[in-house]
Amino acid sequence: MNIGFTSIHAIIIIINTVLYNYDRIANEEVRRRCGVEILEHRLRKTRLKCFVHVKRRNENSILRSAMEPEVEGRRPLGRPKKT
């Protein structure tokens, strides 16, 4: 039986692909095994802590006024004019 080079090359590619996909582990599985928290959850917790600290500050605090801006007036309708 005479197998051409392209057939052997195709078989090797298929075997390598199967072995490569067999060895792959999902990121979620790696995080679970290592006990690492998802970055999005960690950032959300940190932001919430900062927000709580700002909310506890005095009503006249600059940080608190920056977190809750009160804008007066309205924006003009339409596209801005070219300068």
PDB file of N, CA and C in Angstrom:
ATOM      1  N   MET A   1       0.855  -1.179   0.000  1.00  0.00           N
ATOM      2  CA  MET A   1       0.000   0.000   0.000  1.00  0.00           C
ATOM      3  C   MET A   1       0.897   1.237   0.000  1.00  0.00           C
ATOM      4  N   ASN A   2       0.649   2.124  -0.915  1.00  0.00           N
ATOM      5  CA  ASN A   2       1.469   3.324  -1.066  1.00  0.00           C
ATOM      6  C   ASN A   2       0.685   4.534  -0.557  1.00  0.00           C
ATOM      7  N   ILE A   3       1.143   5.090   0.571  1.00  0.00           N
ATOM      8  CA  ILE A   3       0.501   6.283   1.140  1.00  0.00           C
ATOM      9  C   ILE A   3       1.365   7.477   0.781  1.00  0.00           C
ATOM     10  N   GLY A   4       0.738   8.502   0.213  1.00  0.00           N
ATOM     11  CA  GLY A   4       1.479   9.679  -0.201  1.00  0.00           C
ATOM     12  C   GLY A   4       1.866  10.554   0.989  1.00  0.00           C
ATOM     13  N   PHE A   5       2.755  11.495   0.690  1.00  0.00           N
ATOM     14  CA  PHE A   5       3.226  12.413   1.729  1.00  0.00           C
ATOM     15  C   PHE A   5       2.085  13.234   2.298  1.00  0.00           C
ATOM     16  N   THR A   6       1.171  13.687   1.424  1.00  0.00           N
ATOM     17  CA  THR A   6       0.074  14.540   1.902  1.00  0.00           C
ATOM     18  C   THR A   6      -0.854  13.775   2.823  1.00  0.00           C
ATOM     19  N   SER A   7      -1.061  12.505   2.577  1.00  0.00           N
ATOM     20  CA  SER A   7      -1.925  11.701   3.446  1.00  0.00           C
ATOM     21  C   SER A   7      -1.302  11.533   4.826  1.00  0.00           C
ATOM     22  N   ILE A   8       0.009  11.246   4.863  1.00  0.00           N
ATOM     23  CA  ILE A   8       0.697  11.102   6.148  1.00  0.00           C
ATOM     24  C   ILE A   8       0.694  12.430   6.892  1.00  0.00           C
ATOM     25  N   HIS A   9       0.933  13.508   6.162  1.00  0.00           N
ATOM     26  CA  HIS A   9       0.941  14.841   6.777  1.00  0.00           C
ATOM     27  C   HIS A   9      -0.442  15.165   7.365  1.00  0.00           C
ATOM     28  N   ALA A  10      -1.506  14.821   6.635  1.00  0.00           N
ATOM     29  CA  ALA A  10      -2.860  15.071   7.124  1.00  0.00           C
ATOM     30  C   ALA A  10      -3.147  14.257   8.379  1.00  0.00           C
ATOM     31  N   ILE A  11      -2.701  13.016   8.405  1.00  0.00           N
ATOM     32  CA  ILE A  11      -2.915  12.164   9.583  1.00  0.00           C
ATOM     33  C   ILE A  11      -2.175  12.724  10.790  1.00  0.00           C
ATOM     34  N   ILE A  12      -0.938  13.191  10.592  1.00  0.00           N
ATOM     35  CA  ILE A  12      -0.158  13.772  11.686  1.00  0.00           C
ATOM     36  C   ILE A  12      -0.845  15.020  12.220  1.00  0.00           C
ATOM     37  N   ILE A  13      -1.363  15.859  11.332  1.00  0.00           N
ATOM     38  CA  ILE A  13      -2.073  17.074  11.760  1.00  0.00           C
ATOM     39  C   ILE A  13      -3.300  16.718  12.584  1.00  0.00           C
ATOM     40  N   ILE A  14      -4.052  15.722  12.143  1.00  0.00           N
ATOM     41  CA  ILE A  14      -5.259  15.305  12.886  1.00  0.00           C
ATOM     42  C   ILE A  14      -4.881  14.777  14.266  1.00  0.00           C
ATOM     43  N   ILE A  15      -3.857  13.954  14.343  1.00  0.00           N
ATOM     44  CA  ILE A  15      -3.425  13.399  15.635  1.00  0.00           C
ATOM     45  C   ILE A  15      -2.968  14.520  16.567  1.00  0.00           C
ATOM     46  N   ASN A  16      -2.173  15.457  16.052  1.00  0.00           N
ATOM     47  CA  ASN A  16      -1.702  16.570  16.874  1.00  0.00           C
ATOM     48  C   ASN A  16      -2.856  17.436  17.362  1.00  0.00           C
ATOM     49  N   THR A  17      -3.835  17.653  16.501  1.00  0.00           N
ATOM     50  CA  THR A  17      -4.993  18.461  16.893  1.00  0.00           C
ATOM     51  C   THR A  17      -5.780  17.782  18.004  1.00  0.00           C
ATOM     52  N   VAL A  18      -5.995  16.487  17.873  1.00  0.00           N
ATOM     53  CA  VAL A  18      -6.732  15.749  18.901  1.00  0.00           C
ATOM     54  C   VAL A  18      -5.975  15.777  20.223  1.00  0.00           C
ATOM     55  N   LEU A  19      -4.662  15.538  20.188  1.00  0.00           N
ATOM     56  CA  LEU A  19      -3.869  15.544  21.416  1.00  0.00           C
ATOM     57  C   LEU A  19      -3.828  16.933  22.041  1.00  0.00           C
ATOM     58  N   TYR A  20      -3.723  17.975  21.211  1.00  0.00           N
ATOM     59  CA  TYR A  20      -3.681  19.346  21.727  1.00  0.00           C
ATOM     60  C   TYR A  20      -4.998  19.686  22.426  1.00  0.00           C
ATOM     61  N   ASN A  21      -6.113  19.351  21.799  1.00  0.00           N
ATOM     62  CA  ASN A  21      -7.410  19.652  22.411  1.00  0.00           C
ATOM     63  C   ASN A  21      -7.668  18.787  23.633  1.00  0.00           C
ATOM     64  N   TYR A  22      -7.091  17.606  23.691  1.00  0.00           N
ATOM     65  CA  TYR A  22      -7.258  16.734  24.841  1.00  0.00           C
ATOM     66  C   TYR A  22      -6.567  17.320  26.071  1.00  0.00           C
ATOM     67  N   ASP A  23      -5.427  17.978  25.871  1.00  0.00           N
ATOM     68  CA  ASP A  23      -4.650  18.525  26.976  1.00  0.00           C
ATOM     69  C   ASP A  23      -5.129  19.887  27.451  1.00  0.00           C
ATOM     70  N   ARG A  24      -6.049  20.495  26.752  1.00  0.00           N
ATOM     71  CA  ARG A  24      -6.481  21.836  27.108  1.00  0.00           C
ATOM     72  C   ARG A  24      -7.415  21.808  28.319  1.00  0.00           C
ATOM     73  N   ILE A  25      -7.273  22.812  29.178  1.00  0.00           N
ATOM     74  CA  ILE A  25      -8.123  22.952  30.356  1.00  0.00           C
ATOM     75  C   ILE A  25      -8.716  24.346  30.316  1.00  0.00           C
ATOM     76  N   ALA A  26      -9.995  24.458  30.591  1.00  0.00           N
ATOM     77  CA  ALA A  26     -10.673  25.749  30.548  1.00  0.00           C
ATOM     78  C   ALA A  26     -10.143  26.672  31.645  1.00  0.00           C
ATOM     79  N   ASN A  27     -10.176  27.982  31.374  1.00  0.00           N
ATOM     80  CA  ASN A  27      -9.696  28.965  32.344  1.00  0.00           C
ATOM     81  C   ASN A  27     -10.464  28.872  33.664  1.00  0.00           C
ATOM     82  N   GLU A  28     -11.768  28.637  33.583  1.00  0.00           N
ATOM     83  CA  GLU A  28     -12.575  28.537  34.795  1.00  0.00           C
ATOM     84  C   GLU A  28     -12.106  27.380  35.666  1.00  0.00           C
ATOM     85  N   GLU A  29     -11.734  26.272  35.012  1.00  0.00           N
ATOM     86  CA  GLU A  29     -11.257  25.108  35.754  1.00  0.00           C
ATOM     87  C   GLU A  29      -9.918  25.407  36.441  1.00  0.00           C
ATOM     88  N   VAL A  30      -9.034  26.114  35.758  1.00  0.00           N
ATOM     89  CA  VAL A  30      -7.739  26.474  36.345  1.00  0.00           C
ATOM     90  C   VAL A  30      -7.955  27.391  37.543  1.00  0.00           C
ATOM     91  N   ARG A  31      -8.843  28.399  37.397  1.00  0.00           N
ATOM     92  CA  ARG A  31      -9.125  29.314  38.508  1.00  0.00           C
ATOM     93  C   ARG A  31      -9.707  28.559  39.703  1.00  0.00           C
ATOM     94  N   ARG A  32     -10.606  27.611  39.428  1.00  0.00           N
ATOM     95  CA  ARG A  32     -11.225  26.844  40.508  1.00  0.00           C
ATOM     96  C   ARG A  32     -10.187  26.010  41.240  1.00  0.00           C
ATOM     97  N   ARG A  33      -9.295  25.360  40.493  1.00  0.00           N
ATOM     98  CA  ARG A  33      -8.274  24.519  41.112  1.00  0.00           C
ATOM     99  C   ARG A  33      -7.291  25.336  41.940  1.00  0.00           C
ATOM    100  N   CYS A  34      -6.974  26.548  41.473  1.00  0.00           N
ATOM    101  CA  CYS A  34      -5.997  27.385  42.174  1.00  0.00           C
ATOM    102  C   CYS A  34      -6.646  28.242  43.257  1.00  0.00           C
ATOM    103  N   GLY A  35      -7.951  28.305  43.275  1.00  0.00           N
ATOM    104  CA  GLY A  35      -8.647  29.116  44.264  1.00  0.00           C
ATOM    105  C   GLY A  35      -8.561  30.602  43.985  1.00  0.00           C
ATOM    106  N   VAL A  36      -8.464  30.982  42.701  1.00  0.00           N
ATOM    107  CA  VAL A  36      -8.351  32.384  42.310  1.00  0.00           C
ATOM    108  C   VAL A  36      -9.744  32.895  41.934  1.00  0.00           C
ATOM    109  N   GLU A  37     -10.053  34.087  42.422  1.00  0.00           N
ATOM    110  CA  GLU A  37     -11.348  34.689  42.138  1.00  0.00           C
ATOM    111  C   GLU A  37     -11.342  35.320  40.746  1.00  0.00           C
ATOM    112  N   ILE A  38     -12.481  35.344  40.100  1.00  0.00           N
ATOM    113  CA  ILE A  38     -12.595  35.973  38.791  1.00  0.00           C
ATOM    114  C   ILE A  38     -12.335  37.466  38.949  1.00  0.00           C
ATOM    115  N   LEU A  39     -11.558  38.029  38.051  1.00  0.00           N
ATOM    116  CA  LEU A  39     -11.121  39.418  38.145  1.00  0.00           C
ATOM    117  C   LEU A  39     -12.308  40.383  38.175  1.00  0.00           C
ATOM    118  N   GLU A  40     -13.324  40.109  37.393  1.00  0.00           N
ATOM    119  CA  GLU A  40     -14.505  40.985  37.356  1.00  0.00           C
ATOM    120  C   GLU A  40     -15.165  41.079  38.729  1.00  0.00           C
ATOM    121  N   HIS A  41     -15.279  39.969  39.431  1.00  0.00           N
ATOM    122  CA  HIS A  41     -15.887  39.977  40.766  1.00  0.00           C
ATOM    123  C   HIS A  41     -15.029  40.757  41.760  1.00  0.00           C
ATOM    124  N   ARG A  42     -13.726  40.566  41.632  1.00  0.00           N
ATOM    125  CA  ARG A  42     -12.818  41.265  42.550  1.00  0.00           C
ATOM    126  C   ARG A  42     -12.863  42.774  42.336  1.00  0.00           C
ATOM    127  N   LEU A  43     -12.880  43.212  41.074  1.00  0.00           N
ATOM    128  CA  LEU A  43     -12.977  44.640  40.781  1.00  0.00           C
ATOM    129  C   LEU A  43     -14.297  45.220  41.277  1.00  0.00           C
ATOM    130  N   ARG A  44     -15.379  44.466  41.112  1.00  0.00           N
ATOM    131  CA  ARG A  44     -16.686  44.937  41.560  1.00  0.00           C
ATOM    132  C   ARG A  44     -16.705  45.127  43.080  1.00  0.00           C
ATOM    133  N   LYS A  45     -16.101  44.194  43.824  1.00  0.00           N
ATOM    134  CA  LYS A  45     -16.034  44.319  45.285  1.00  0.00           C
ATOM    135  C   LYS A  45     -15.234  45.554  45.687  1.00  0.00           C
ATOM    136  N   THR A  46     -14.092  45.772  44.997  1.00  0.00           N
ATOM    137  CA  THR A  46     -13.245  46.922  45.321  1.00  0.00           C
ATOM    138  C   THR A  46     -13.979  48.232  45.065  1.00  0.00           C
ATOM    139  N   ARG A  47     -14.671  48.317  43.934  1.00  0.00           N
ATOM    140  CA  ARG A  47     -15.434  49.533  43.624  1.00  0.00           C
ATOM    141  C   ARG A  47     -16.536  49.764  44.642  1.00  0.00           C
ATOM    142  N   LEU A  48     -17.189  48.698  45.050  1.00  0.00           N
ATOM    143  CA  LEU A  48     -18.257  48.836  46.027  1.00  0.00           C
ATOM    144  C   LEU A  48     -17.720  49.329  47.357  1.00  0.00           C
ATOM    145  N   LYS A  49     -16.548  48.840  47.772  1.00  0.00           N
ATOM    146  CA  LYS A  49     -15.936  49.322  49.018  1.00  0.00           C
ATOM    147  C   LYS A  49     -15.651  50.816  48.932  1.00  0.00           C
ATOM    148  N   CYS A  50     -15.070  51.261  47.810  1.00  0.00           N
ATOM    149  CA  CYS A  50     -14.769  52.688  47.630  1.00  0.00           C
ATOM    150  C   CYS A  50     -16.053  53.506  47.660  1.00  0.00           C
ATOM    151  N   PHE A  51     -17.087  53.011  47.000  1.00  0.00           N
ATOM    152  CA  PHE A  51     -18.354  53.730  46.949  1.00  0.00           C
ATOM    153  C   PHE A  51     -18.950  53.874  48.348  1.00  0.00           C
ATOM    154  N   VAL A  52     -18.867  52.828  49.154  1.00  0.00           N
ATOM    155  CA  VAL A  52     -19.400  52.872  50.520  1.00  0.00           C
ATOM    156  C   VAL A  52     -18.639  53.893  51.353  1.00  0.00           C
ATOM    157  N   HIS A  53     -17.322  53.952  51.208  1.00  0.00           N
ATOM    158  CA  HIS A  53     -16.529  54.927  51.958  1.00  0.00           C
ATOM    159  C   HIS A  53     -16.905  56.353  51.573  1.00  0.00           C
ATOM    160  N   VAL A  54     -17.129  56.572  50.292  1.00  0.00           N
ATOM    161  CA  VAL A  54     -17.507  57.912  49.833  1.00  0.00           C
ATOM    162  C   VAL A  54     -18.894  58.274  50.345  1.00  0.00           C
ATOM    163  N   LYS A  55     -19.813  57.318  50.339  1.00  0.00           N
ATOM    164  CA  LYS A  55     -21.185  57.593  50.798  1.00  0.00           C
ATOM    165  C   LYS A  55     -21.223  57.937  52.292  1.00  0.00           C
ATOM    166  N   ARG A  56     -20.263  57.451  53.064  1.00  0.00           N
ATOM    167  CA  ARG A  56     -20.239  57.735  54.504  1.00  0.00           C
ATOM    168  C   ARG A  56     -19.698  59.125  54.811  1.00  0.00           C
ATOM    169  N   ARG A  57     -19.077  59.761  53.846  1.00  0.00           N
ATOM    170  CA  ARG A  57     -18.476  61.079  54.081  1.00  0.00           C
ATOM    171  C   ARG A  57     -19.557  62.139  54.270  1.00  0.00           C
ATOM    172  N   ASN A  58     -19.108  63.308  54.663  1.00  0.00           N
ATOM    173  CA  ASN A  58     -19.990  64.447  54.905  1.00  0.00           C
ATOM    174  C   ASN A  58     -20.707  64.843  53.606  1.00  0.00           C
ATOM    175  N   GLU A  59     -21.900  65.424  53.741  1.00  0.00           N
ATOM    176  CA  GLU A  59     -22.686  65.847  52.577  1.00  0.00           C
ATOM    177  C   GLU A  59     -21.938  66.864  51.719  1.00  0.00           C
ATOM    178  N   ASN A  60     -21.091  67.703  52.345  1.00  0.00           N
ATOM    179  CA  ASN A  60     -20.397  68.767  51.619  1.00  0.00           C
ATOM    180  C   ASN A  60     -19.040  68.324  51.073  1.00  0.00           C
ATOM    181  N   SER A  61     -18.708  67.065  51.176  1.00  0.00           N
ATOM    182  CA  SER A  61     -17.415  66.562  50.725  1.00  0.00           C
ATOM    183  C   SER A  61     -17.299  66.659  49.205  1.00  0.00           C
ATOM    184  N   ILE A  62     -16.089  66.982  48.739  1.00  0.00           N
ATOM    185  CA  ILE A  62     -15.852  67.077  47.294  1.00  0.00           C
ATOM    186  C   ILE A  62     -16.016  65.711  46.633  1.00  0.00           C
ATOM    187  N   LEU A  63     -15.542  64.660  47.286  1.00  0.00           N
ATOM    188  CA  LEU A  63     -15.671  63.314  46.722  1.00  0.00           C
ATOM    189  C   LEU A  63     -17.136  62.917  46.564  1.00  0.00           C
ATOM    190  N   ARG A  64     -17.925  63.243  47.553  1.00  0.00           N
ATOM    191  CA  ARG A  64     -19.338  62.875  47.496  1.00  0.00           C
ATOM    192  C   ARG A  64     -20.054  63.657  46.403  1.00  0.00           C
ATOM    193  N   SER A  65     -19.712  64.943  46.260  1.00  0.00           N
ATOM    194  CA  SER A  65     -20.350  65.730  45.211  1.00  0.00           C
ATOM    195  C   SER A  65     -19.922  65.240  43.828  1.00  0.00           C
ATOM    196  N   ALA A  66     -18.703  64.689  43.727  1.00  0.00           N
ATOM    197  CA  ALA A  66     -18.251  64.153  42.440  1.00  0.00           C
ATOM    198  C   ALA A  66     -18.964  62.848  42.102  1.00  0.00           C
ATOM    199  N   MET A  67     -19.330  62.069  43.113  1.00  0.00           N
ATOM    200  CA  MET A  67     -20.035  60.810  42.873  1.00  0.00           C
ATOM    201  C   MET A  67     -21.490  61.030  42.487  1.00  0.00           C
ATOM    202  N   GLU A  68     -22.075  62.121  42.951  1.00  0.00           N
ATOM    203  CA  GLU A  68     -23.476  62.415  42.663  1.00  0.00           C
ATOM    204  C   GLU A  68     -23.586  63.810  42.050  1.00  0.00           C
ATOM    205  N   PRO A  69     -23.196  63.967  40.788  1.00  0.00           N
ATOM    206  CA  PRO A  69     -23.220  65.307  40.194  1.00  0.00           C
ATOM    207  C   PRO A  69     -24.658  65.771  39.943  1.00  0.00           C
ATOM    208  N   GLU A  70     -24.862  67.039  40.171  1.00  0.00           N
ATOM    209  CA  GLU A  70     -26.160  67.653  39.887  1.00  0.00           C
ATOM    210  C   GLU A  70     -25.923  68.717  38.822  1.00  0.00           C
ATOM    211  N   VAL A  71     -26.399  68.451  37.627  1.00  0.00           N
ATOM    212  CA  VAL A  71     -26.173  69.337  36.497  1.00  0.00           C
ATOM    213  C   VAL A  71     -27.389  70.238  36.329  1.00  0.00           C
ATOM    214  N   GLU A  72     -27.122  71.520  36.127  1.00  0.00           N
ATOM    215  CA  GLU A  72     -28.207  72.475  35.926  1.00  0.00           C
ATOM    216  C   GLU A  72     -28.364  72.763  34.443  1.00  0.00           C
ATOM    217  N   GLY A  73     -29.587  73.020  34.033  1.00  0.00           N
ATOM    218  CA  GLY A  73     -29.842  73.384  32.644  1.00  0.00           C
ATOM    219  C   GLY A  73     -29.934  72.173  31.735  1.00  0.00           C
ATOM    220  N   ARG A  74     -30.039  72.490  30.430  1.00  0.00           N
ATOM    221  CA  ARG A  74     -30.162  71.427  29.429  1.00  0.00           C
ATOM    222  C   ARG A  74     -29.134  71.634  28.335  1.00  0.00           C
ATOM    223  N   ARG A  75     -28.804  70.580  27.662  1.00  0.00           N
ATOM    224  CA  ARG A  75     -27.909  70.685  26.511  1.00  0.00           C
ATOM    225  C   ARG A  75     -28.711  71.163  25.314  1.00  0.00           C
ATOM    226  N   PRO A  76     -28.077  71.919  24.424  1.00  0.00           N
ATOM    227  CA  PRO A  76     -28.798  72.346  23.226  1.00  0.00           C
ATOM    228  C   PRO A  76     -29.042  71.152  22.302  1.00  0.00           C
ATOM    229  N   LEU A  77     -30.134  71.200  21.564  1.00  0.00           N
ATOM    230  CA  LEU A  77     -30.474  70.125  20.642  1.00  0.00           C
ATOM    231  C   LEU A  77     -29.620  70.216  19.382  1.00  0.00           C
ATOM    232  N   GLY A  78     -29.439  69.106  18.718  1.00  0.00           N
ATOM    233  CA  GLY A  78     -28.738  69.081  17.442  1.00  0.00           C
ATOM    234  C   GLY A  78     -27.251  68.889  17.563  1.00  0.00           C
ATOM    235  N   ARG A  79     -26.642  68.919  16.404  1.00  0.00           N
ATOM    236  CA  ARG A  79     -25.195  68.725  16.308  1.00  0.00           C
ATOM    237  C   ARG A  79     -24.462  69.992  16.702  1.00  0.00           C
ATOM    238  N   PRO A  80     -23.300  69.882  17.378  1.00  0.00           N
ATOM    239  CA  PRO A  80     -22.550  71.075  17.724  1.00  0.00           C
ATOM    240  C   PRO A  80     -22.057  71.807  16.471  1.00  0.00           C
ATOM    241  N   LYS A  81     -21.964  73.134  16.550  1.00  0.00           N
ATOM    242  CA  LYS A  81     -21.506  73.921  15.405  1.00  0.00           C
ATOM    243  C   LYS A  81     -20.002  73.798  15.263  1.00  0.00           C
ATOM    244  N   LYS A  82     -19.532  73.838  14.009  1.00  0.00           N
ATOM    245  CA  LYS A  82     -18.093  73.759  13.748  1.00  0.00           C
ATOM    246  C   LYS A  82     -17.450  75.069  14.185  1.00  0.00           C
ATOM    247  N   THR A  83     -16.229  74.986  14.655  1.00  0.00           N
ATOM    248  CA  THR A  83     -15.537  76.204  15.083  1.00  0.00           C
ATOM    249  C   THR A  83     -14.498  76.604  14.072  1.00  0.00           C
TER     250      THR A  83
END
